[in-house]
PDB file of all heavy atoms in Angstrom:
ATOM      1  N   LYS A   1     -15.420  28.689 110.791  1.00  0.00           N
ATOM      2  CA  LYS A   1     -16.008  29.648 109.854  1.00  0.00           C
ATOM      3  C   LYS A   1     -16.381  28.917 108.573  1.00  0.00           C
ATOM      4  O   LYS A   1     -16.063  27.742 108.394  1.00  0.00           O
ATOM      5  CB  LYS A   1     -15.021  30.770 109.560  1.00  0.00           C
ATOM      6  CG  LYS A   1     -13.732  30.333 108.883  1.00  0.00           C
ATOM      7  CD  LYS A   1     -12.822  31.525 108.653  1.00  0.00           C
ATOM      8  CE  LYS A   1     -11.544  31.117 107.931  1.00  0.00           C
ATOM      9  NZ  LYS A   1     -10.665  32.285 107.674  1.00  0.00           N
ATOM     10  N   ASN A   2     -17.085  29.576 107.676  1.00  0.00           N
ATOM     11  CA  ASN A   2     -17.474  28.988 106.408  1.00  0.00           C
ATOM     12  C   ASN A   2     -16.470  29.374 105.333  1.00  0.00           C
ATOM     13  O   ASN A   2     -15.996  30.509 105.290  1.00  0.00           O
ATOM     14  CB  ASN A   2     -18.870  29.460 105.985  1.00  0.00           C
ATOM     15  CG  ASN A   2     -19.952  28.909 106.894  1.00  0.00           C
ATOM     16  OD1 ASN A   2     -19.718  27.965 107.642  1.00  0.00           O
ATOM     17  ND2 ASN A   2     -21.121  29.495 106.843  1.00  0.00           N
ATOM     18  N   ASN A   3     -16.154  28.404 104.465  1.00  0.00           N
ATOM     19  CA  ASN A   3     -15.260  28.732 103.356  1.00  0.00           C
ATOM     20  C   ASN A   3     -16.044  29.423 102.249  1.00  0.00           C
ATOM     21  O   ASN A   3     -17.240  29.720 102.387  1.00  0.00           O
ATOM     22  CB  ASN A   3     -14.541  27.474 102.853  1.00  0.00           C
ATOM     23  CG  ASN A   3     -15.517  26.446 102.290  1.00  0.00           C
ATOM     24  OD1 ASN A   3     -16.687  26.745 102.042  1.00  0.00           O
ATOM     25  ND2 ASN A   3     -15.041  25.235 102.094  1.00  0.00           N
ATOM     26  N   SER A   4     -15.399  29.683 101.119  1.00  0.00           N
ATOM     27  CA  SER A   4     -16.027  30.448 100.037  1.00  0.00           C
ATOM     28  C   SER A   4     -17.226  29.729  99.436  1.00  0.00           C
ATOM     29  O   SER A   4     -18.072  30.354  98.798  1.00  0.00           O
ATOM     30  CB  SER A   4     -14.991  30.737  98.942  1.00  0.00           C
ATOM     31  OG  SER A   4     -14.453  29.519  98.439  1.00  0.00           O
ATOM     32  N   ASP A   5     -17.300  28.411  99.641  1.00  0.00           N
ATOM     33  CA  ASP A   5     -18.413  27.641  99.093  1.00  0.00           C
ATOM     34  C   ASP A   5     -19.513  27.412 100.122  1.00  0.00           C
ATOM     35  O   ASP A   5     -20.443  26.656  99.895  1.00  0.00           O
ATOM     36  CB  ASP A   5     -17.891  26.303  98.568  1.00  0.00           C
ATOM     37  CG  ASP A   5     -18.780  25.730  97.485  1.00  0.00           C
ATOM     38  OD1 ASP A   5     -19.555  26.501  96.897  1.00  0.00           O
ATOM     39  OD2 ASP A   5     -18.715  24.522  97.244  1.00  0.00           O
ATOM     40  N   GLY A   6     -19.369  28.024 101.306  1.00  0.00           N
ATOM     41  CA  GLY A   6     -20.404  27.920 102.320  1.00  0.00           C
ATOM     42  C   GLY A   6     -20.295  26.730 103.243  1.00  0.00           C
ATOM     43  O   GLY A   6     -21.138  26.516 104.096  1.00  0.00           O
ATOM     44  N   LYS A   7     -19.226  25.929 103.107  1.00  0.00           N
ATOM     45  CA  LYS A   7     -19.079  24.737 103.927  1.00  0.00           C
ATOM     46  C   LYS A   7     -18.314  25.055 105.203  1.00  0.00           C
ATOM     47  O   LYS A   7     -17.256  25.688 105.152  1.00  0.00           O
ATOM     48  CB  LYS A   7     -18.342  23.657 103.140  1.00  0.00           C
ATOM     49  CG  LYS A   7     -18.211  22.333 103.876  1.00  0.00           C
ATOM     50  CD  LYS A   7     -17.534  21.306 102.990  1.00  0.00           C
ATOM     51  CE  LYS A   7     -17.369  19.986 103.730  1.00  0.00           C
ATOM     52  NZ  LYS A   7     -16.684  18.973 102.909  1.00  0.00           N
ATOM     53  N   PRO A   8     -18.813  24.622 106.383  1.00  0.00           N
ATOM     54  CA  PRO A   8     -18.105  24.913 107.636  1.00  0.00           C
ATOM     55  C   PRO A   8     -16.753  24.210 107.686  1.00  0.00           C
ATOM     56  O   PRO A   8     -16.646  23.030 107.376  1.00  0.00           O
ATOM     57  CB  PRO A   8     -19.040  24.367 108.713  1.00  0.00           C
ATOM     58  CG  PRO A   8     -20.355  24.178 108.037  1.00  0.00           C
ATOM     59  CD  PRO A   8     -20.063  23.902 106.610  1.00  0.00           C
ATOM     60  N   VAL A   9     -15.729  24.909 108.055  1.00  0.00           N
ATOM     61  CA  VAL A   9     -14.403  24.327 108.236  1.00  0.00           C
ATOM     62  C   VAL A   9     -13.819  24.839 109.540  1.00  0.00           C
ATOM     63  O   VAL A   9     -14.182  25.910 110.018  1.00  0.00           O
ATOM     64  CB  VAL A   9     -13.444  24.681 107.068  1.00  0.00           C
ATOM     65  CG1 VAL A   9     -13.918  24.074 105.774  1.00  0.00           C
ATOM     66  CG2 VAL A   9     -13.314  26.184 106.917  1.00  0.00           C
ATOM     67  N   THR A  10     -12.935  24.059 110.126  1.00  0.00           N
ATOM     68  CA  THR A  10     -12.246  24.477 111.344  1.00  0.00           C
ATOM     69  C   THR A  10     -10.829  24.891 110.990  1.00  0.00           C
ATOM     70  O   THR A  10     -10.087  24.130 110.395  1.00  0.00           O
ATOM     71  CB  THR A  10     -12.213  23.342 112.376  1.00  0.00           C
ATOM     72  OG1 THR A  10     -13.555  22.978 112.696  1.00  0.00           O
ATOM     73  CG2 THR A  10     -11.489  23.779 113.646  1.00  0.00           C
ATOM     74  N   VAL A  11     -10.479  26.092 111.349  1.00  0.00           N
ATOM     75  CA  VAL A  11      -9.151  26.621 111.060  1.00  0.00           C
ATOM     76  C   VAL A  11      -8.365  26.673 112.357  1.00  0.00           C
ATOM     77  O   VAL A  11      -8.818  27.241 113.345  1.00  0.00           O
ATOM     78  CB  VAL A  11      -9.232  28.029 110.433  1.00  0.00           C
ATOM     79  CG1 VAL A  11      -7.845  28.560 110.146  1.00  0.00           C
ATOM     80  CG2 VAL A  11     -10.062  27.980 109.155  1.00  0.00           C
ATOM     81  N   LEU A  12      -7.199  26.059 112.372  1.00  0.00           N
ATOM     82  CA  LEU A  12      -6.364  26.031 113.560  1.00  0.00           C
ATOM     83  C   LEU A  12      -5.146  26.921 113.353  1.00  0.00           C
ATOM     84  O   LEU A  12      -4.665  27.077 112.240  1.00  0.00           O
ATOM     85  CB  LEU A  12      -5.901  24.603 113.842  1.00  0.00           C
ATOM     86  CG  LEU A  12      -7.034  23.627 114.158  1.00  0.00           C
ATOM     87  CD1 LEU A  12      -6.509  22.208 114.153  1.00  0.00           C
ATOM     88  CD2 LEU A  12      -7.638  23.951 115.501  1.00  0.00           C
ATOM     89  N   PRO A  13      -4.631  27.510 114.419  1.00  0.00           N
ATOM     90  CA  PRO A  13      -3.442  28.338 114.305  1.00  0.00           C
ATOM     91  C   PRO A  13      -2.256  27.545 113.794  1.00  0.00           C
ATOM     92  O   PRO A  13      -2.254  26.317 113.825  1.00  0.00           O
ATOM     93  CB  PRO A  13      -3.196  28.814 115.741  1.00  0.00           C
ATOM     94  CG  PRO A  13      -4.483  28.596 116.449  1.00  0.00           C
ATOM     95  CD  PRO A  13      -5.130  27.426 115.783  1.00  0.00           C
ATOM     96  N   ALA A  14      -1.248  28.242 113.321  1.00  0.00           N
ATOM     97  CA  ALA A  14      -0.035  27.587 112.862  1.00  0.00           C
ATOM     98  C   ALA A  14       0.578  26.789 114.014  1.00  0.00           C
ATOM     99  O   ALA A  14       0.356  27.093 115.180  1.00  0.00           O
ATOM    100  CB  ALA A  14       0.957  28.627 112.352  1.00  0.00           C
ATOM    101  N   MET A  15       1.317  25.776 113.698  1.00  0.00           N
ATOM    102  CA  MET A  15       2.025  24.931 114.662  1.00  0.00           C
ATOM    103  C   MET A  15       1.127  23.906 115.343  1.00  0.00           C
ATOM    104  O   MET A  15       1.550  23.185 116.215  1.00  0.00           O
ATOM    105  CB  MET A  15       2.730  25.762 115.755  1.00  0.00           C
ATOM    106  CG  MET A  15       3.794  26.699 115.232  1.00  0.00           C
ATOM    107  SD  MET A  15       5.228  25.818 114.612  1.00  0.00           S
ATOM    108  CE  MET A  15       5.891  25.147 116.134  1.00  0.00           C
ATOM    109  N   GLN A  16      -0.148  23.815 114.963  1.00  0.00           N
ATOM    110  CA  GLN A  16      -1.015  22.851 115.641  1.00  0.00           C
ATOM    111  C   GLN A  16      -1.957  22.183 114.651  1.00  0.00           C
ATOM    112  O   GLN A  16      -2.757  22.850 113.998  1.00  0.00           O
ATOM    113  CB  GLN A  16      -1.834  23.535 116.735  1.00  0.00           C
ATOM    114  CG  GLN A  16      -2.869  22.626 117.377  1.00  0.00           C
ATOM    115  CD  GLN A  16      -2.221  21.536 118.205  1.00  0.00           C
ATOM    116  OE1 GLN A  16      -1.190  21.761 118.783  1.00  0.00           O
ATOM    117  NE2 GLN A  16      -2.819  20.377 118.262  1.00  0.00           N
ATOM    118  N   ALA A  17      -1.856  20.869 114.542  1.00  0.00           N
ATOM    119  CA  ALA A  17      -2.789  20.105 113.729  1.00  0.00           C
ATOM    120  C   ALA A  17      -3.853  19.491 114.617  1.00  0.00           C
ATOM    121  O   ALA A  17      -3.614  19.223 115.792  1.00  0.00           O
ATOM    122  CB  ALA A  17      -2.042  19.011 112.963  1.00  0.00           C
ATOM    123  N   ALA A  18      -5.057  19.270 114.071  1.00  0.00           N
ATOM    124  CA  ALA A  18      -6.128  18.664 114.863  1.00  0.00           C
ATOM    125  C   ALA A  18      -5.749  17.233 115.252  1.00  0.00           C
ATOM    126  O   ALA A  18      -5.991  16.801 116.365  1.00  0.00           O
ATOM    127  CB  ALA A  18      -7.435  18.674 114.067  1.00  0.00           C
ATOM    128  N   VAL A  19      -5.187  16.499 114.318  1.00  0.00           N
ATOM    129  CA  VAL A  19      -4.732  15.131 114.558  1.00  0.00           C
ATOM    130  C   VAL A  19      -3.355  14.993 113.937  1.00  0.00           C
ATOM    131  O   VAL A  19      -3.151  15.396 112.794  1.00  0.00           O
ATOM    132  CB  VAL A  19      -5.694  14.096 113.933  1.00  0.00           C
ATOM    133  CG1 VAL A  19      -5.146  12.692 114.086  1.00  0.00           C
ATOM    134  CG2 VAL A  19      -7.067  14.190 114.570  1.00  0.00           C
ATOM    135  N   ILE A  20      -2.394  14.454 114.686  1.00  0.00           N
ATOM    136  CA  ILE A  20      -1.038  14.305 114.170  1.00  0.00           C
ATOM    137  C   ILE A  20      -0.725  12.841 113.912  1.00  0.00           C
ATOM    138  O   ILE A  20      -1.438  11.949 114.373  1.00  0.00           O
ATOM    139  CB  ILE A  20       0.003  14.892 115.144  1.00  0.00           C
ATOM    140  CG1 ILE A  20       0.042  14.083 116.446  1.00  0.00           C
ATOM    141  CG2 ILE A  20      -0.261  16.362 115.408  1.00  0.00           C
ATOM    142  CD1 ILE A  20       1.169  14.450 117.381  1.00  0.00           C
ATOM    143  N   PHE A  21       0.347  12.583 113.178  1.00  0.00           N
ATOM    144  CA  PHE A  21       0.790  11.217 112.910  1.00  0.00           C
ATOM    145  C   PHE A  21       1.531  10.710 114.142  1.00  0.00           C
ATOM    146  O   PHE A  21       2.235  11.478 114.806  1.00  0.00           O
ATOM    147  CB  PHE A  21       1.705  11.200 111.684  1.00  0.00           C
ATOM    148  CG  PHE A  21       1.821   9.849 111.044  1.00  0.00           C
ATOM    149  CD1 PHE A  21       0.776   9.334 110.297  1.00  0.00           C
ATOM    150  CD2 PHE A  21       2.962   9.082 111.191  1.00  0.00           C
ATOM    151  CE1 PHE A  21       0.869   8.080 109.708  1.00  0.00           C
ATOM    152  CE2 PHE A  21       3.064   7.830 110.610  1.00  0.00           C
ATOM    153  CZ  PHE A  21       2.023   7.329 109.858  1.00  0.00           C
ATOM    154  N   PRO A  22       1.402   9.415 114.487  1.00  0.00           N
ATOM    155  CA  PRO A  22       2.013   8.931 115.729  1.00  0.00           C
ATOM    156  C   PRO A  22       3.535   8.753 115.678  1.00  0.00           C
ATOM    157  O   PRO A  22       4.139   8.442 116.699  1.00  0.00           O
ATOM    158  CB  PRO A  22       1.317   7.586 115.955  1.00  0.00           C
ATOM    159  CG  PRO A  22       0.874   7.160 114.603  1.00  0.00           C
ATOM    160  CD  PRO A  22       0.528   8.405 113.876  1.00  0.00           C
ATOM    161  N   PHE A  23       4.167   8.904 114.513  1.00  0.00           N
ATOM    162  CA  PHE A  23       5.622   8.834 114.399  1.00  0.00           C
ATOM    163  C   PHE A  23       6.165  10.181 113.950  1.00  0.00           C
ATOM    164  O   PHE A  23       5.472  10.939 113.266  1.00  0.00           O
ATOM    165  CB  PHE A  23       6.063   7.808 113.348  1.00  0.00           C
ATOM    166  CG  PHE A  23       5.829   6.374 113.701  1.00  0.00           C
ATOM    167  CD1 PHE A  23       6.080   5.377 112.770  1.00  0.00           C
ATOM    168  CD2 PHE A  23       5.364   5.993 114.944  1.00  0.00           C
ATOM    169  CE1 PHE A  23       5.865   4.046 113.071  1.00  0.00           C
ATOM    170  CE2 PHE A  23       5.146   4.666 115.260  1.00  0.00           C
ATOM    171  CZ  PHE A  23       5.398   3.687 114.314  1.00  0.00           C
ATOM    172  N   LYS A  24       7.424  10.465 114.305  1.00  0.00           N
ATOM    173  CA  LYS A  24       8.111  11.616 113.728  1.00  0.00           C
ATOM    174  C   LYS A  24       8.832  11.224 112.442  1.00  0.00           C
ATOM    175  O   LYS A  24       9.264  12.086 111.683  1.00  0.00           O
ATOM    176  CB  LYS A  24       9.114  12.201 114.729  1.00  0.00           C
ATOM    177  CG  LYS A  24       8.478  12.998 115.845  1.00  0.00           C
ATOM    178  CD  LYS A  24       9.476  13.867 116.577  1.00  0.00           C
ATOM    179  CE  LYS A  24      10.477  13.061 117.358  1.00  0.00           C
ATOM    180  NZ  LYS A  24      11.356  13.921 118.194  1.00  0.00           N
ATOM    181  N   VAL A  25       8.967   9.928 112.198  1.00  0.00           N
ATOM    182  CA  VAL A  25       9.629   9.424 110.996  1.00  0.00           C
ATOM    183  C   VAL A  25       8.619   8.660 110.155  1.00  0.00           C
ATOM    184  O   VAL A  25       7.584   8.212 110.665  1.00  0.00           O
ATOM    185  CB  VAL A  25      10.808   8.503 111.359  1.00  0.00           C
ATOM    186  CG1 VAL A  25      11.867   9.276 112.125  1.00  0.00           C
ATOM    187  CG2 VAL A  25      10.333   7.304 112.176  1.00  0.00           C
ATOM    188  N   LYS A  26       8.917   8.500 108.881  1.00  0.00           N
ATOM    189  CA  LYS A  26       8.017   7.739 108.019  1.00  0.00           C
ATOM    190  C   LYS A  26       8.094   6.254 108.364  1.00  0.00           C
ATOM    191  O   LYS A  26       9.176   5.723 108.599  1.00  0.00           O
ATOM    192  CB  LYS A  26       8.407   7.932 106.549  1.00  0.00           C
ATOM    193  CG  LYS A  26       8.025   9.278 105.976  1.00  0.00           C
ATOM    194  CD  LYS A  26       8.280   9.312 104.487  1.00  0.00           C
ATOM    195  CE  LYS A  26       7.812  10.621 103.876  1.00  0.00           C
ATOM    196  NZ  LYS A  26       8.020  10.644 102.409  1.00  0.00           N
ATOM    197  N   PRO A  27       6.946   5.554 108.408  1.00  0.00           N
ATOM    198  CA  PRO A  27       6.974   4.107 108.644  1.00  0.00           C
ATOM    199  C   PRO A  27       7.717   3.399 107.513  1.00  0.00           C
ATOM    200  O   PRO A  27       7.784   3.902 106.389  1.00  0.00           O
ATOM    201  CB  PRO A  27       5.486   3.723 108.646  1.00  0.00           C
ATOM    202  CG  PRO A  27       4.755   4.994 108.884  1.00  0.00           C
ATOM    203  CD  PRO A  27       5.582   6.073 108.268  1.00  0.00           C
ATOM    204  N   LEU A  28       8.257   2.226 107.804  1.00  0.00           N
ATOM    205  CA  LEU A  28       8.962   1.453 106.782  1.00  0.00           C
ATOM    206  C   LEU A  28       7.995   0.920 105.729  1.00  0.00           C
ATOM    207  O   LEU A  28       8.414   0.556 104.629  1.00  0.00           O
ATOM    208  CB  LEU A  28       9.718   0.288 107.433  1.00  0.00           C
ATOM    209  CG  LEU A  28      10.814   0.688 108.435  1.00  0.00           C
ATOM    210  CD1 LEU A  28      11.457  -0.548 109.028  1.00  0.00           C
ATOM    211  CD2 LEU A  28      11.855   1.565 107.760  1.00  0.00           C
ATOM    212  N   ASN A  29       6.704   0.853 106.064  1.00  0.00           N
ATOM    213  CA  ASN A  29       5.716   0.426 105.077  1.00  0.00           C
ATOM    214  C   ASN A  29       4.951   1.620 104.509  1.00  0.00           C
ATOM    215  O   ASN A  29       3.789   1.523 104.144  1.00  0.00           O
ATOM    216  CB  ASN A  29       4.755  -0.616 105.658  1.00  0.00           C
ATOM    217  CG  ASN A  29       4.013  -0.138 106.897  1.00  0.00           C
ATOM    218  OD1 ASN A  29       4.481   0.749 107.613  1.00  0.00           O
ATOM    219  ND2 ASN A  29       2.861  -0.720 107.155  1.00  0.00           N
ATOM    220  N   GLU A  30       5.634   2.754 104.429  1.00  0.00           N
ATOM    221  CA  GLU A  30       5.124   3.935 103.733  1.00  0.00           C
ATOM    222  C   GLU A  30       5.425   3.776 102.243  1.00  0.00           C
ATOM    223  O   GLU A  30       6.233   2.925 101.844  1.00  0.00           O
ATOM    224  CB  GLU A  30       5.810   5.188 104.301  1.00  0.00           C
ATOM    225  CG  GLU A  30       5.353   6.513 103.719  1.00  0.00           C
ATOM    226  CD  GLU A  30       3.927   6.845 104.110  1.00  0.00           C
ATOM    227  OE1 GLU A  30       3.700   7.370 105.205  1.00  0.00           O
ATOM    228  OE2 GLU A  30       3.050   6.565 103.283  1.00  0.00           O
ATOM    229  N   LYS A  31       4.801   4.574 101.411  1.00  0.00           N
ATOM    230  CA  LYS A  31       5.082   4.543  99.983  1.00  0.00           C
ATOM    231  C   LYS A  31       6.566   4.834  99.761  1.00  0.00           C
ATOM    232  O   LYS A  31       7.107   5.800 100.275  1.00  0.00           O
ATOM    233  CB  LYS A  31       4.234   5.586  99.261  1.00  0.00           C
ATOM    234  CG  LYS A  31       4.424   5.599  97.753  1.00  0.00           C
ATOM    235  CD  LYS A  31       3.507   6.617  97.099  1.00  0.00           C
ATOM    236  CE  LYS A  31       3.687   6.611  95.591  1.00  0.00           C
ATOM    237  NZ  LYS A  31       2.807   7.624  94.934  1.00  0.00           N
TER     238      LYS A  31
END
């Protein structure tokens, strides 16, 4: 759907991201 500014966005249901991080924990070279 379009957001308030007219730009198309994809909205996904709760519990599902389009792309997830490959770890469940933060990498050791994270901030």
